[in-house]
Amino acid sequence: MILTVDAIVGVQVLYYRQLGLVESSDALYPPSAELDSQLAAQQRRLTDYWVVDPKKNVVAIPVSRTMELVTAELSVGQDSRD
């Protein structure tokens, strides 16, 4: 019984020591401005309309709008089967 308690306490000590190291390394190495700009660019590509190829008249639409269109198209397809 005492050995089990000692083992549990020992594991907790190791866990909290490692947790402290991880938290301190996060504070030492904050996300870079380059990473922030990449994330912002990715977010814009998912949420904005933009021209992919003007010569072929290809545009990109936001993911949310795409899901609305696909849902509407699928519901029309199901109504015609009924």
PDB file of N, CA and C in Angstrom:
ATOM      1  N   MET A   1       0.815  -1.185   0.000  1.00  0.00           N
ATOM      2  CA  MET A   1       0.000   0.000   0.000  1.00  0.00           C
ATOM      3  C   MET A   1       0.866   1.259   0.000  1.00  0.00           C
ATOM      4  N   ILE A   2       1.871   1.278   0.832  1.00  0.00           N
ATOM      5  CA  ILE A   2       2.755   2.442   0.919  1.00  0.00           C
ATOM      6  C   ILE A   2       3.540   2.598  -0.380  1.00  0.00           C
ATOM      7  N   LEU A   3       3.932   1.484  -0.971  1.00  0.00           N
ATOM      8  CA  LEU A   3       4.657   1.525  -2.239  1.00  0.00           C
ATOM      9  C   LEU A   3       3.791   2.137  -3.334  1.00  0.00           C
ATOM     10  N   THR A   4       2.518   1.810  -3.348  1.00  0.00           N
ATOM     11  CA  THR A   4       1.597   2.363  -4.338  1.00  0.00           C
ATOM     12  C   THR A   4       1.457   3.874  -4.162  1.00  0.00           C
ATOM     13  N   VAL A   5       1.296   4.323  -2.943  1.00  0.00           N
ATOM     14  CA  VAL A   5       1.178   5.754  -2.660  1.00  0.00           C
ATOM     15  C   VAL A   5       2.463   6.467  -3.069  1.00  0.00           C
ATOM     16  N   ASP A   6       3.610   5.885  -2.754  1.00  0.00           N
ATOM     17  CA  ASP A   6       4.887   6.484  -3.149  1.00  0.00           C
ATOM     18  C   ASP A   6       5.002   6.583  -4.674  1.00  0.00           C
ATOM     19  N   ALA A   7       4.562   5.544  -5.356  1.00  0.00           N
ATOM     20  CA  ALA A   7       4.622   5.552  -6.816  1.00  0.00           C
ATOM     21  C   ALA A   7       3.717   6.635  -7.391  1.00  0.00           C
ATOM     22  N   ILE A   8       2.515   6.772  -6.851  1.00  0.00           N
ATOM     23  CA  ILE A   8       1.583   7.794  -7.332  1.00  0.00           C
ATOM     24  C   ILE A   8       2.142   9.192  -7.090  1.00  0.00           C
ATOM     25  N   VAL A   9       2.671   9.432  -5.915  1.00  0.00           N
ATOM     26  CA  VAL A   9       3.253  10.737  -5.595  1.00  0.00           C
ATOM     27  C   VAL A   9       4.452  11.008  -6.505  1.00  0.00           C
ATOM     28  N   GLY A  10       5.264  10.003  -6.746  1.00  0.00           N
ATOM     29  CA  GLY A  10       6.426  10.168  -7.629  1.00  0.00           C
ATOM     30  C   GLY A  10       6.019  10.523  -9.045  1.00  0.00           C
ATOM     31  N   VAL A  11       4.991   9.866  -9.551  1.00  0.00           N
ATOM     32  CA  VAL A  11       4.503  10.169 -10.903  1.00  0.00           C
ATOM     33  C   VAL A  11       3.938  11.586 -10.961  1.00  0.00           C
ATOM     34  N   GLN A  12       3.229  11.997  -9.933  1.00  0.00           N
ATOM     35  CA  GLN A  12       2.701  13.357  -9.896  1.00  0.00           C
ATOM     36  C   GLN A  12       3.821  14.395  -9.889  1.00  0.00           C
ATOM     37  N   VAL A  13       4.864  14.134  -9.132  1.00  0.00           N
ATOM     38  CA  VAL A  13       6.001  15.054  -9.095  1.00  0.00           C
ATOM     39  C   VAL A  13       6.621  15.179 -10.482  1.00  0.00           C
ATOM     40  N   LEU A  14       6.834  14.052 -11.145  1.00  0.00           N
ATOM     41  CA  LEU A  14       7.397  14.089 -12.502  1.00  0.00           C
ATOM     42  C   LEU A  14       6.482  14.830 -13.464  1.00  0.00           C
ATOM     43  N   TYR A  15       5.178  14.578 -13.356  1.00  0.00           N
ATOM     44  CA  TYR A  15       4.208  15.234 -14.244  1.00  0.00           C
ATOM     45  C   TYR A  15       4.262  16.748 -14.082  1.00  0.00           C
ATOM     46  N   TYR A  16       4.170  17.223 -12.853  1.00  0.00           N
ATOM     47  CA  TYR A  16       4.146  18.664 -12.628  1.00  0.00           C
ATOM     48  C   TYR A  16       5.482  19.325 -12.953  1.00  0.00           C
ATOM     49  N   ARG A  17       6.567  18.611 -12.798  1.00  0.00           N
ATOM     50  CA  ARG A  17       7.869  19.152 -13.194  1.00  0.00           C
ATOM     51  C   ARG A  17       7.905  19.340 -14.720  1.00  0.00           C
ATOM     52  N   GLN A  18       7.464  18.323 -15.465  1.00  0.00           N
ATOM     53  CA  GLN A  18       7.441  18.424 -16.926  1.00  0.00           C
ATOM     54  C   GLN A  18       6.459  19.504 -17.384  1.00  0.00           C
ATOM     55  N   LEU A  19       5.325  19.601 -16.721  1.00  0.00           N
ATOM     56  CA  LEU A  19       4.347  20.623 -17.067  1.00  0.00           C
ATOM     57  C   LEU A  19       4.950  22.017 -16.906  1.00  0.00           C
ATOM     58  N   GLY A  20       5.692  22.222 -15.845  1.00  0.00           N
ATOM     59  CA  GLY A  20       6.361  23.506 -15.643  1.00  0.00           C
ATOM     60  C   GLY A  20       7.367  23.804 -16.739  1.00  0.00           C
ATOM     61  N   LEU A  21       8.099  22.789 -17.183  1.00  0.00           N
ATOM     62  CA  LEU A  21       9.067  22.987 -18.270  1.00  0.00           C
ATOM     63  C   LEU A  21       8.363  23.352 -19.571  1.00  0.00           C
ATOM     64  N   VAL A  22       7.258  22.689 -19.849  1.00  0.00           N
ATOM     65  CA  VAL A  22       6.514  22.968 -21.080  1.00  0.00           C
ATOM     66  C   VAL A  22       5.949  24.381 -21.044  1.00  0.00           C
ATOM     67  N   GLU A  23       5.360  24.761 -19.922  1.00  0.00           N
ATOM     68  CA  GLU A  23       4.800  26.109 -19.812  1.00  0.00           C
ATOM     69  C   GLU A  23       5.874  27.176 -19.919  1.00  0.00           C
ATOM     70  N   SER A  24       7.036  26.945 -19.341  1.00  0.00           N
ATOM     71  CA  SER A  24       8.098  27.950 -19.428  1.00  0.00           C
ATOM     72  C   SER A  24       8.664  28.024 -20.847  1.00  0.00           C
ATOM     73  N   SER A  25       8.730  26.904 -21.564  1.00  0.00           N
ATOM     74  CA  SER A  25       9.233  26.954 -22.941  1.00  0.00           C
ATOM     75  C   SER A  25       8.250  27.669 -23.847  1.00  0.00           C
ATOM     76  N   ASP A  26       6.942  27.561 -23.591  1.00  0.00           N
ATOM     77  CA  ASP A  26       5.957  28.303 -24.369  1.00  0.00           C
ATOM     78  C   ASP A  26       6.125  29.800 -24.177  1.00  0.00           C
ATOM     79  N   ALA A  27       6.461  30.207 -22.962  1.00  0.00           N
ATOM     80  CA  ALA A  27       6.667  31.623 -22.679  1.00  0.00           C
ATOM     81  C   ALA A  27       7.949  32.125 -23.336  1.00  0.00           C
ATOM     82  N   LEU A  28       8.958  31.275 -23.429  1.00  0.00           N
ATOM     83  CA  LEU A  28      10.231  31.685 -24.023  1.00  0.00           C
ATOM     84  C   LEU A  28      10.152  31.772 -25.540  1.00  0.00           C
ATOM     85  N   TYR A  29       9.315  30.938 -26.160  1.00  0.00           N
ATOM     86  CA  TYR A  29       9.237  30.868 -27.612  1.00  0.00           C
ATOM     87  C   TYR A  29       7.812  31.148 -28.080  1.00  0.00           C
ATOM     88  N   PRO A  30       7.396  32.417 -28.067  1.00  0.00           N
ATOM     89  CA  PRO A  30       6.048  32.738 -28.522  1.00  0.00           C
ATOM     90  C   PRO A  30       5.937  32.515 -30.036  1.00  0.00           C
ATOM     91  N   PRO A  31       4.719  32.353 -30.543  1.00  0.00           N
ATOM     92  CA  PRO A  31       4.551  32.165 -31.987  1.00  0.00           C
ATOM     93  C   PRO A  31       5.158  33.337 -32.755  1.00  0.00           C
ATOM     94  N   SER A  32       5.756  33.027 -33.878  1.00  0.00           N
ATOM     95  CA  SER A  32       6.426  34.056 -34.662  1.00  0.00           C
ATOM     96  C   SER A  32       5.417  34.854 -35.486  1.00  0.00           C
ATOM     97  N   ALA A  33       5.838  36.019 -35.924  1.00  0.00           N
ATOM     98  CA  ALA A  33       4.996  36.865 -36.769  1.00  0.00           C
ATOM     99  C   ALA A  33       4.727  36.171 -38.100  1.00  0.00           C
ATOM    100  N   GLU A  34       5.710  35.400 -38.573  1.00  0.00           N
ATOM    101  CA  GLU A  34       5.537  34.669 -39.836  1.00  0.00           C
ATOM    102  C   GLU A  34       4.425  33.630 -39.698  1.00  0.00           C
ATOM    103  N   LEU A  35       4.409  32.914 -38.593  1.00  0.00           N
ATOM    104  CA  LEU A  35       3.364  31.930 -38.358  1.00  0.00           C
ATOM    105  C   LEU A  35       1.999  32.603 -38.274  1.00  0.00           C
ATOM    106  N   ASP A  36       1.936  33.734 -37.568  1.00  0.00           N
ATOM    107  CA  ASP A  36       0.680  34.469 -37.464  1.00  0.00           C
ATOM    108  C   ASP A  36       0.179  34.917 -38.830  1.00  0.00           C
ATOM    109  N   SER A  37       1.072  35.388 -39.690  1.00  0.00           N
ATOM    110  CA  SER A  37       0.652  35.840 -41.018  1.00  0.00           C
ATOM    111  C   SER A  37       0.213  34.660 -41.884  1.00  0.00           C
ATOM    112  N   GLN A  38       0.867  33.516 -41.743  1.00  0.00           N
ATOM    113  CA  GLN A  38       0.451  32.328 -42.492  1.00  0.00           C
ATOM    114  C   GLN A  38      -0.935  31.862 -42.058  1.00  0.00           C
ATOM    115  N   LEU A  39      -1.176  31.864 -40.757  1.00  0.00           N
ATOM    116  CA  LEU A  39      -2.485  31.469 -40.252  1.00  0.00           C
ATOM    117  C   LEU A  39      -3.572  32.432 -40.722  1.00  0.00           C
ATOM    118  N   ALA A  40      -3.271  33.713 -40.740  1.00  0.00           N
ATOM    119  CA  ALA A  40      -4.238  34.708 -41.213  1.00  0.00           C
ATOM    120  C   ALA A  40      -4.535  34.514 -42.696  1.00  0.00           C
ATOM    121  N   ALA A  41      -3.509  34.224 -43.484  1.00  0.00           N
ATOM    122  CA  ALA A  41      -3.705  33.991 -44.921  1.00  0.00           C
ATOM    123  C   ALA A  41      -4.556  32.745 -45.156  1.00  0.00           C
ATOM    124  N   GLN A  42      -4.317  31.699 -44.400  1.00  0.00           N
ATOM    125  CA  GLN A  42      -5.119  30.486 -44.524  1.00  0.00           C
ATOM    126  C   GLN A  42      -6.574  30.754 -44.147  1.00  0.00           C
ATOM    127  N   GLN A  43      -6.770  31.517 -43.098  1.00  0.00           N
ATOM    128  CA  GLN A  43      -8.128  31.848 -42.667  1.00  0.00           C
ATOM    129  C   GLN A  43      -8.851  32.653 -43.745  1.00  0.00           C
ATOM    130  N   ARG A  44      -8.159  33.608 -44.370  1.00  0.00           N
ATOM    131  CA  ARG A  44      -8.768  34.397 -45.452  1.00  0.00           C
ATOM    132  C   ARG A  44      -9.156  33.511 -46.623  1.00  0.00           C
ATOM    133  N   ARG A  45      -8.305  32.546 -46.959  1.00  0.00           N
ATOM    134  CA  ARG A  45      -8.615  31.661 -48.097  1.00  0.00           C
ATOM    135  C   ARG A  45      -9.833  30.798 -47.817  1.00  0.00           C
ATOM    136  N   LEU A  46     -10.097  30.500 -46.541  1.00  0.00           N
ATOM    137  CA  LEU A  46     -11.260  29.693 -46.195  1.00  0.00           C
ATOM    138  C   LEU A  46     -12.540  30.508 -46.067  1.00  0.00           C
ATOM    139  N   THR A  47     -12.429  31.806 -45.837  1.00  0.00           N
ATOM    140  CA  THR A  47     -13.614  32.603 -45.538  1.00  0.00           C
ATOM    141  C   THR A  47     -13.935  33.682 -46.564  1.00  0.00           C
ATOM    142  N   ASP A  48     -13.078  33.925 -47.529  1.00  0.00           N
ATOM    143  CA  ASP A  48     -13.297  34.999 -48.503  1.00  0.00           C
ATOM    144  C   ASP A  48     -13.535  34.439 -49.904  1.00  0.00           C
ATOM    145  N   TYR A  49     -14.183  35.263 -50.725  1.00  0.00           N
ATOM    146  CA  TYR A  49     -14.275  34.985 -52.159  1.00  0.00           C
ATOM    147  C   TYR A  49     -12.987  35.493 -52.794  1.00  0.00           C
ATOM    148  N   TRP A  50     -12.449  34.765 -53.782  1.00  0.00           N
ATOM    149  CA  TRP A  50     -11.265  35.238 -54.471  1.00  0.00           C
ATOM    150  C   TRP A  50     -11.166  34.570 -55.839  1.00  0.00           C
ATOM    151  N   VAL A  51     -10.458  35.232 -56.736  1.00  0.00           N
ATOM    152  CA  VAL A  51     -10.315  34.748 -58.107  1.00  0.00           C
ATOM    153  C   VAL A  51      -9.132  33.785 -58.165  1.00  0.00           C
ATOM    154  N   VAL A  52      -9.402  32.566 -58.656  1.00  0.00           N
ATOM    155  CA  VAL A  52      -8.356  31.559 -58.791  1.00  0.00           C
ATOM    156  C   VAL A  52      -7.667  31.724 -60.138  1.00  0.00           C
ATOM    157  N   ASP A  53      -8.474  31.778 -61.202  1.00  0.00           N
ATOM    158  CA  ASP A  53      -7.936  31.910 -62.562  1.00  0.00           C
ATOM    159  C   ASP A  53      -8.850  32.823 -63.363  1.00  0.00           C
ATOM    160  N   PRO A  54      -8.452  34.080 -63.544  1.00  0.00           N
ATOM    161  CA  PRO A  54      -9.334  35.016 -64.251  1.00  0.00           C
ATOM    162  C   PRO A  54      -9.547  34.652 -65.722  1.00  0.00           C
ATOM    163  N   LYS A  55      -8.575  34.014 -66.354  1.00  0.00           N
ATOM    164  CA  LYS A  55      -8.715  33.641 -67.767  1.00  0.00           C
ATOM    165  C   LYS A  55      -9.789  32.576 -67.957  1.00  0.00           C
ATOM    166  N   LYS A  56      -9.900  31.675 -66.994  1.00  0.00           N
ATOM    167  CA  LYS A  56     -10.887  30.597 -67.090  1.00  0.00           C
ATOM    168  C   LYS A  56     -12.161  30.901 -66.297  1.00  0.00           C
ATOM    169  N   ASN A  57     -12.227  32.113 -65.725  1.00  0.00           N
ATOM    170  CA  ASN A  57     -13.373  32.514 -64.898  1.00  0.00           C
ATOM    171  C   ASN A  57     -13.616  31.539 -63.751  1.00  0.00           C
ATOM    172  N   VAL A  58     -12.548  31.205 -63.045  1.00  0.00           N
ATOM    173  CA  VAL A  58     -12.644  30.309 -61.891  1.00  0.00           C
ATOM    174  C   VAL A  58     -12.476  31.135 -60.626  1.00  0.00           C
ATOM    175  N   VAL A  59     -13.446  30.997 -59.726  1.00  0.00           N
ATOM    176  CA  VAL A  59     -13.372  31.703 -58.457  1.00  0.00           C
ATOM    177  C   VAL A  59     -13.484  30.701 -57.323  1.00  0.00           C
ATOM    178  N   ALA A  60     -13.024  31.101 -56.160  1.00  0.00           N
ATOM    179  CA  ALA A  60     -13.161  30.286 -54.955  1.00  0.00           C
ATOM    180  C   ALA A  60     -14.189  30.963 -54.056  1.00  0.00           C
ATOM    181  N   ILE A  61     -14.985  30.128 -53.402  1.00  0.00           N
ATOM    182  CA  ILE A  61     -15.990  30.662 -52.493  1.00  0.00           C
ATOM    183  C   ILE A  61     -15.700  30.147 -51.088  1.00  0.00           C
ATOM    184  N   PRO A  62     -16.214  30.836 -50.076  1.00  0.00           N
ATOM    185  CA  PRO A  62     -15.951  30.400 -48.695  1.00  0.00           C
ATOM    186  C   PRO A  62     -16.494  28.997 -48.422  1.00  0.00           C
ATOM    187  N   VAL A  63     -15.859  28.321 -47.518  1.00  0.00           N
ATOM    188  CA  VAL A  63     -16.253  26.958 -47.167  1.00  0.00           C
ATOM    189  C   VAL A  63     -17.691  26.932 -46.658  1.00  0.00           C
ATOM    190  N   SER A  64     -18.067  27.922 -45.863  1.00  0.00           N
ATOM    191  CA  SER A  64     -19.429  27.931 -45.328  1.00  0.00           C
ATOM    192  C   SER A  64     -20.462  28.039 -46.445  1.00  0.00           C
ATOM    193  N   ARG A  65     -20.188  28.855 -47.456  1.00  0.00           N
ATOM    194  CA  ARG A  65     -21.111  28.980 -48.592  1.00  0.00           C
ATOM    195  C   ARG A  65     -21.139  27.683 -49.394  1.00  0.00           C
ATOM    196  N   THR A  66     -20.006  27.045 -49.542  1.00  0.00           N
ATOM    197  CA  THR A  66     -19.946  25.769 -50.253  1.00  0.00           C
ATOM    198  C   THR A  66     -20.815  24.727 -49.564  1.00  0.00           C
ATOM    199  N   MET A  67     -20.743  24.668 -48.242  1.00  0.00           N
ATOM    200  CA  MET A  67     -21.570  23.704 -47.502  1.00  0.00           C
ATOM    201  C   MET A  67     -23.049  24.007 -47.684  1.00  0.00           C
ATOM    202  N   GLU A  68     -23.434  25.294 -47.710  1.00  0.00           N
ATOM    203  CA  GLU A  68     -24.831  25.657 -47.942  1.00  0.00           C
ATOM    204  C   GLU A  68     -25.300  25.182 -49.317  1.00  0.00           C
ATOM    205  N   LEU A  69     -24.479  25.400 -50.340  1.00  0.00           N
ATOM    206  CA  LEU A  69     -24.850  25.009 -51.691  1.00  0.00           C
ATOM    207  C   LEU A  69     -24.960  23.495 -51.840  1.00  0.00           C
ATOM    208  N   VAL A  70     -24.021  22.773 -51.259  1.00  0.00           N
ATOM    209  CA  VAL A  70     -24.049  21.307 -51.347  1.00  0.00           C
ATOM    210  C   VAL A  70     -25.255  20.758 -50.607  1.00  0.00           C
ATOM    211  N   THR A  71     -25.558  21.314 -49.446  1.00  0.00           N
ATOM    212  CA  THR A  71     -26.716  20.870 -48.680  1.00  0.00           C
ATOM    213  C   THR A  71     -28.002  21.120 -49.455  1.00  0.00           C
ATOM    214  N   ALA A  72     -28.114  22.295 -50.060  1.00  0.00           N
ATOM    215  CA  ALA A  72     -29.309  22.606 -50.853  1.00  0.00           C
ATOM    216  C   ALA A  72     -29.424  21.665 -52.049  1.00  0.00           C
ATOM    217  N   GLU A  73     -28.309  21.401 -52.709  1.00  0.00           N
ATOM    218  CA  GLU A  73     -28.317  20.508 -53.874  1.00  0.00           C
ATOM    219  C   GLU A  73     -28.707  19.087 -53.481  1.00  0.00           C
ATOM    220  N   LEU A  74     -28.185  18.612 -52.358  1.00  0.00           N
ATOM    221  CA  LEU A  74     -28.520  17.263 -51.905  1.00  0.00           C
ATOM    222  C   LEU A  74     -29.975  17.161 -51.469  1.00  0.00           C
ATOM    223  N   SER A  75     -30.506  18.205 -50.849  1.00  0.00           N
ATOM    224  CA  SER A  75     -31.901  18.150 -50.420  1.00  0.00           C
ATOM    225  C   SER A  75     -32.850  18.170 -51.610  1.00  0.00           C
ATOM    226  N   VAL A  76     -32.501  18.875 -52.686  1.00  0.00           N
ATOM    227  CA  VAL A  76     -33.311  18.859 -53.911  1.00  0.00           C
ATOM    228  C   VAL A  76     -33.268  17.477 -54.539  1.00  0.00           C
ATOM    229  N   GLY A  77     -32.113  16.849 -54.511  1.00  0.00           N
ATOM    230  CA  GLY A  77     -31.976  15.495 -55.060  1.00  0.00           C
ATOM    231  C   GLY A  77     -32.813  14.487 -54.300  1.00  0.00           C
ATOM    232  N   GLN A  78     -32.896  14.640 -52.990  1.00  0.00           N
ATOM    233  CA  GLN A  78     -33.689  13.721 -52.178  1.00  0.00           C
ATOM    234  C   GLN A  78     -35.169  13.961 -52.380  1.00  0.00           C
ATOM    235  N   ASP A  79     -35.582  15.219 -52.593  1.00  0.00           N
ATOM    236  CA  ASP A  79     -37.000  15.518 -52.809  1.00  0.00           C
ATOM    237  C   ASP A  79     -37.494  14.905 -54.108  1.00  0.00           C
ATOM    238  N   SER A  80     -36.639  14.865 -55.130  1.00  0.00           N
ATOM    239  CA  SER A  80     -37.065  14.290 -56.404  1.00  0.00           C
ATOM    240  C   SER A  80     -37.186  12.766 -56.340  1.00  0.00           C
ATOM    241  N   ARG A  81     -36.505  12.123 -55.399  1.00  0.00           N
ATOM    242  CA  ARG A  81     -36.591  10.660 -55.253  1.00  0.00           C
ATOM    243  C   ARG A  81     -37.864  10.246 -54.520  1.00  0.00           C
ATOM    244  N   ASP A  82     -38.388  11.136 -53.690  1.00  0.00           N
ATOM    245  CA  ASP A  82     -39.569  10.781 -52.887  1.00  0.00           C
ATOM    246  C   ASP A  82     -40.828  10.727 -53.690  1.00  0.00           C
TER     247      ASP A  82
END
